[in-house]
Protein backbone atom coordinates (compact mmCIF):
# COMPACT_ATOMS: atom_id res chain seq x y z
CA MET A 1 -62.21 -18.04 59.47
CA SER A 2 -62.78 -16.32 56.25
CA ASP A 3 -61.29 -12.94 57.27
CA HIS A 4 -58.18 -15.83 58.21
CA VAL A 5 -58.00 -16.97 54.78
CA THR A 6 -58.65 -13.63 53.16
CA SER A 7 -55.84 -12.48 55.19
CA CYS A 8 -53.76 -15.03 53.94
CA LYS A 9 -54.26 -15.16 50.39
CA GLN A 10 -53.48 -11.42 50.53
CA ALA A 11 -50.46 -11.66 52.31
CA ARG A 12 -49.49 -14.48 49.77
CA TRP A 13 -50.70 -11.99 46.57
CA ASN A 14 -48.19 -9.31 48.44
CA ALA A 15 -45.26 -11.94 48.59
CA GLN A 16 -45.66 -12.84 44.82
CA GLN A 17 -46.15 -8.78 44.04
CA GLN A 18 -43.09 -7.94 46.03
CA ARG A 19 -40.93 -10.93 44.24
CA ALA A 20 -42.06 -9.59 41.09
CA ARG A 21 -41.33 -6.28 41.71
CA GLU A 22 -37.91 -7.72 42.94
CA GLN A 23 -37.33 -9.90 39.37
CA GLY A 24 -38.12 -7.00 37.64
CA PHE A 25 -35.41 -4.81 39.52
CA ALA A 26 -32.46 -7.70 38.72
CA LEU A 27 -33.44 -7.28 34.88
CA VAL A 28 -33.26 -3.37 35.14
CA GLU A 29 -29.99 -4.37 36.86
CA VAL A 30 -28.37 -6.75 34.43
CA VAL A 31 -29.66 -4.19 31.88
CA VAL A 32 -27.27 -1.11 33.46
CA ALA A 33 -24.22 -3.30 34.11
CA SER A 34 -24.31 -4.89 30.45
CA LEU A 35 -24.62 -1.36 29.29
CA ILE A 36 -21.87 0.18 31.65
CA LEU A 37 -19.82 -3.15 30.64
CA GLY A 38 -20.48 -2.49 27.19
CA ILE A 39 -19.17 1.01 27.02
CA ALA A 40 -15.95 0.11 28.95
CA VAL A 41 -14.91 -2.27 26.28
CA ALA A 42 -15.66 -0.12 23.58
CA GLY A 43 -13.61 2.84 25.23
CA ILE A 44 -10.92 0.11 25.53
CA ALA A 45 -11.09 -1.21 22.35
CA LEU A 46 -10.87 2.29 20.47
CA MET A 47 -7.41 3.20 23.22
CA LEU A 48 -5.58 -0.24 21.66
CA SER A 49 -6.69 1.03 17.84
CA ALA A 50 -5.50 4.50 18.61
CA ALA A 51 -1.88 3.02 20.33
CA ARG A 52 -1.86 0.85 17.26
CA SER A 53 -2.00 3.95 15.05
CA PHE A 54 0.40 5.82 16.53
CA THR A 55 2.85 2.27 16.80
CA VAL A 56 2.77 2.79 12.86
CA ALA A 57 2.80 6.07 12.53
CA GLN A 58 6.48 6.07 15.13
CA GLY A 59 7.65 3.42 12.28
CA ASP A 60 6.62 5.05 10.01
CA ASP A 61 8.92 8.51 10.63
CA ARG A 62 11.66 6.12 10.94
CA VAL A 63 11.25 4.92 7.53
CA ALA A 64 10.97 8.49 6.52
CA PHE A 65 14.34 9.64 8.02
CA TYR A 66 16.29 6.87 6.37
CA LEU A 67 14.76 7.65 3.14
CA ALA A 68 15.34 11.55 3.56
CA GLN A 69 19.11 10.33 4.73
CA GLU A 70 19.49 8.01 1.76
CA LYS A 71 18.75 10.94 -0.94
CA VAL A 72 21.01 13.14 1.16
CA GLU A 73 24.08 10.71 0.76
CA ASN A 74 23.26 10.10 -2.79
CA LEU A 75 23.32 13.29 -4.02
CA ARG A 76 26.62 14.50 -1.46
CA ALA A 77 28.22 10.99 -3.24
CA LEU A 78 27.81 12.90 -6.64
CA GLY A 79 30.22 15.39 -5.71
CA PHE A 80 29.10 19.31 -5.41
CA ALA A 81 29.49 20.18 -9.23
CA ALA A 82 27.46 17.01 -10.24
CA VAL A 83 24.51 18.15 -7.78
CA PRO A 84 21.84 20.13 -10.11
CA THR A 85 19.99 23.14 -9.03
CA ILE A 86 17.04 21.89 -10.82
CA SER A 87 15.53 17.95 -11.18
CA GLY A 88 16.95 15.64 -13.39
CA PRO A 89 15.16 12.59 -15.07
CA CYS A 90 13.03 10.11 -12.48
CA PRO A 91 13.31 7.93 -11.35
CA GLY A 92 17.03 8.78 -10.41
CA THR A 93 19.33 9.92 -8.23
CA THR A 94 18.24 13.83 -9.21
CA CYS A 95 15.08 13.22 -9.51
CA TYR A 96 13.53 15.96 -6.84
CA ASP A 97 9.86 14.84 -6.92
CA GLU A 98 9.23 11.52 -5.96
CA SER A 99 5.54 10.84 -5.05
CA SER A 100 4.97 7.52 -4.72
CA LEU A 101 7.87 5.55 -3.06
CA THR A 102 7.10 2.36 -1.21
CA ALA A 103 9.70 1.10 2.12
CA GLY A 104 9.69 -1.18 4.51
CA GLU A 105 9.67 -5.31 4.65
CA ASP A 106 6.41 -5.75 2.87
CA GLN A 107 7.15 -2.38 0.46
CA ALA A 108 3.80 -1.37 1.84
CA GLN A 109 4.42 2.13 3.39
CA THR A 110 3.72 4.76 0.99
CA PHE A 111 5.80 8.17 1.38
CA SER A 112 6.42 11.27 -0.97
CA ARG A 113 10.29 12.89 -1.12
CA VAL A 114 10.53 16.08 -2.48
CA THR A 115 14.22 17.36 -2.73
CA ALA A 116 15.44 21.12 -3.22
CA VAL A 117 18.30 22.18 -4.17
CA VAL A 118 19.63 25.78 -3.69
CA CYS A 119 22.71 27.79 -3.72
CA VAL A 120 23.15 30.29 -0.81
CA ALA A 121 25.84 32.46 0.55
CA LYS A 122 28.19 31.78 3.19
CA SER A 123 26.86 34.62 5.94
CA ASN A 124 23.25 33.62 5.29
CA VAL A 125 22.79 29.86 4.58
CA ASN A 126 18.49 29.79 5.21
CA THR A 127 18.31 32.46 2.17
CA ALA A 128 18.15 31.04 -1.33
CA ILE A 129 20.30 33.49 -3.48
CA ALA A 130 21.04 32.90 -7.57
CA CYS A 131 23.71 31.16 -8.26
CA PRO A 132 26.94 32.25 -8.58
CA THR A 133 29.54 31.36 -11.11
CA PRO A 134 30.85 29.02 -10.27
CA PRO A 135 28.94 28.27 -6.77
CA VAL A 136 30.11 27.89 -3.56
CA LEU A 137 27.09 26.41 -1.00
CA LYS A 138 24.65 24.69 -2.09
CA ARG A 139 21.75 23.77 0.65
CA ILE A 140 19.70 20.61 0.06
CA THR A 141 16.32 20.14 1.60
CA VAL A 142 14.75 16.57 1.46
CA THR A 143 10.91 16.40 2.92
CA VAL A 144 9.62 12.98 3.21
CA THR A 145 6.01 12.54 3.65
CA PRO A 146 4.53 9.48 5.02
CA ALA A 147 1.46 8.62 3.64
CA MET A 148 -0.29 7.49 6.69
CA ARG A 149 -1.70 10.71 8.55
CA GLN A 150 -0.66 10.38 11.83
CA ALA A 151 2.79 10.50 10.91
CA ASP A 152 4.98 13.71 10.59
CA PRO A 153 6.90 14.72 7.73
CA VAL A 154 10.76 14.61 8.19
CA VAL A 155 12.82 17.19 6.59
CA MET A 156 16.56 17.30 6.49
CA THR A 157 18.72 19.67 5.43
CA THR A 158 22.71 19.75 4.86
CA VAL A 159 25.16 22.40 2.69
CA LEU A 160 27.49 21.39 0.27
CA ALA A 161 30.36 23.42 0.05
CA CYS A 162 32.83 23.95 -2.93
CA GLN A 163 36.66 22.19 -2.33
CA GLN A 164 37.50 23.71 -5.39
CA CYS A 165 36.21 27.20 -5.20
């Protein structure tokens, strides 16, 4: 009988040891599953954050294009003879180096706008020349750079011709 009691105690002891090991494995499984879930959630959060910043950058590109177009149109409205090749007073239409423009609905978007006006020859509008008297062609280049790193600068170029020359 004593062997039978000992073997029953031993069986019970083995069963308790088996359950304890299984509970330990269950705890390890929960920790590993939590770690995997945490990595997945962090990856999704980073992806959403990057998507938001690129969406904002696209909006900045559109506003930068508008600011470049506005400058070109304002200079064209002055007329050929009134568009100087050197910067005028800032702020103003002929100011060619505007470093802190704000735009957007809440004026929270910041840009810099640099304008260059040079005389060019009819044969090659890509190369600046010394302005002849009277100048015949002027090339206006406006570069608007958003303060946001993800957005690219917008460059707009046009050529004005003298109608009376």
